[in-house]
């Protein structure tokens, strides 16, 4: 039997942040040292900066929220 695997959004973000530890320089510098990476399967974007030997997460945004008008 093959099991279906479901990854919760929180776990996806954990994987994404862990990926930043090894691959932070792969993501383009958007402005003033701020970089952004999108989660593959979930609508989240993580903005971060590299400061010395650390990756500092600035924000985690849900990218599919409806705007209130």
Protein backbone atom coordinates (compact mmCIF):
# COMPACT_ATOMS: atom_id res chain seq x y z
CA UNK A 1 0.00 0.00 0.00
CA UNK A 2 1.24 3.49 -0.83
CA UNK A 3 0.54 6.16 1.73
CA UNK A 4 -0.35 9.68 0.83
CA UNK A 5 1.87 12.25 2.54
CA UNK A 6 0.44 15.55 3.73
CA UNK A 7 2.81 18.30 4.87
CA UNK A 8 1.30 20.93 7.13
CA UNK A 9 2.15 24.58 6.33
CA UNK A 10 4.06 24.95 9.58
CA UNK A 11 6.30 22.01 8.70
CA UNK A 12 6.85 23.35 5.18
CA UNK A 13 8.06 26.61 6.68
CA UNK A 14 10.40 24.70 8.98
CA UNK A 15 11.91 22.98 5.94
CA UNK A 16 12.20 26.27 4.10
CA UNK A 17 13.98 28.02 6.97
CA UNK A 18 16.31 25.03 7.36
CA UNK A 19 17.08 25.34 3.65
CA UNK A 20 18.11 28.97 4.19
CA UNK A 21 20.86 27.80 6.54
CA UNK A 22 22.58 26.09 3.61
CA UNK A 23 21.44 28.05 0.57
CA UNK A 24 20.76 31.66 1.61
CA UNK A 25 22.99 33.16 -1.07
CA UNK A 26 21.01 31.47 -3.86
CA UNK A 27 18.18 33.98 -3.47
CA UNK A 28 18.39 37.36 -5.17
CA UNK A 29 19.01 40.57 -3.25
CA UNK A 30 15.74 42.51 -3.67
CA UNK A 31 16.77 45.75 -1.95
CA UNK A 32 19.28 46.81 0.69
CA UNK A 33 20.32 43.24 1.50
CA UNK A 34 16.78 41.89 1.87
CA UNK A 35 16.19 38.58 0.09
CA UNK A 36 12.99 36.58 -0.35
CA UNK A 37 12.14 32.94 -0.92
CA UNK A 38 8.73 31.41 -1.62
CA UNK A 39 7.56 28.11 -0.18
CA UNK A 40 6.97 25.61 -2.99
CA UNK A 41 3.56 24.23 -2.10
CA UNK A 42 2.12 26.84 0.22
CA UNK A 43 1.51 30.54 -0.36
CA UNK A 44 4.17 31.85 2.01
CA UNK A 45 7.09 34.16 1.36
CA UNK A 46 10.01 34.46 3.77
CA UNK A 47 12.00 37.71 3.71
CA UNK A 48 15.44 37.61 5.28
CA UNK A 49 18.84 39.26 5.49
CA UNK A 50 22.29 37.79 5.87
CA UNK A 51 24.02 39.51 8.77
CA UNK A 52 27.52 38.27 9.44
CA UNK A 53 27.23 34.50 9.74
CA UNK A 54 23.49 34.51 10.46
CA UNK A 55 20.31 34.45 8.39
CA UNK A 56 17.86 36.83 10.04
CA UNK A 57 14.21 36.23 9.11
CA UNK A 58 12.42 39.56 8.81
CA UNK A 59 8.93 38.36 7.90
CA UNK A 60 6.85 35.39 6.88
CA UNK A 61 3.88 36.48 4.80
CA UNK A 62 0.85 34.62 3.54
CA UNK A 63 0.68 35.65 -0.11
CA UNK A 64 -2.93 34.74 -0.93
CA UNK A 65 -4.84 36.83 1.54
CA UNK A 66 -7.70 38.87 0.23
CA UNK A 67 -7.40 42.61 0.45
CA UNK A 68 -10.05 44.42 2.41
CA UNK A 69 -11.58 47.25 0.36
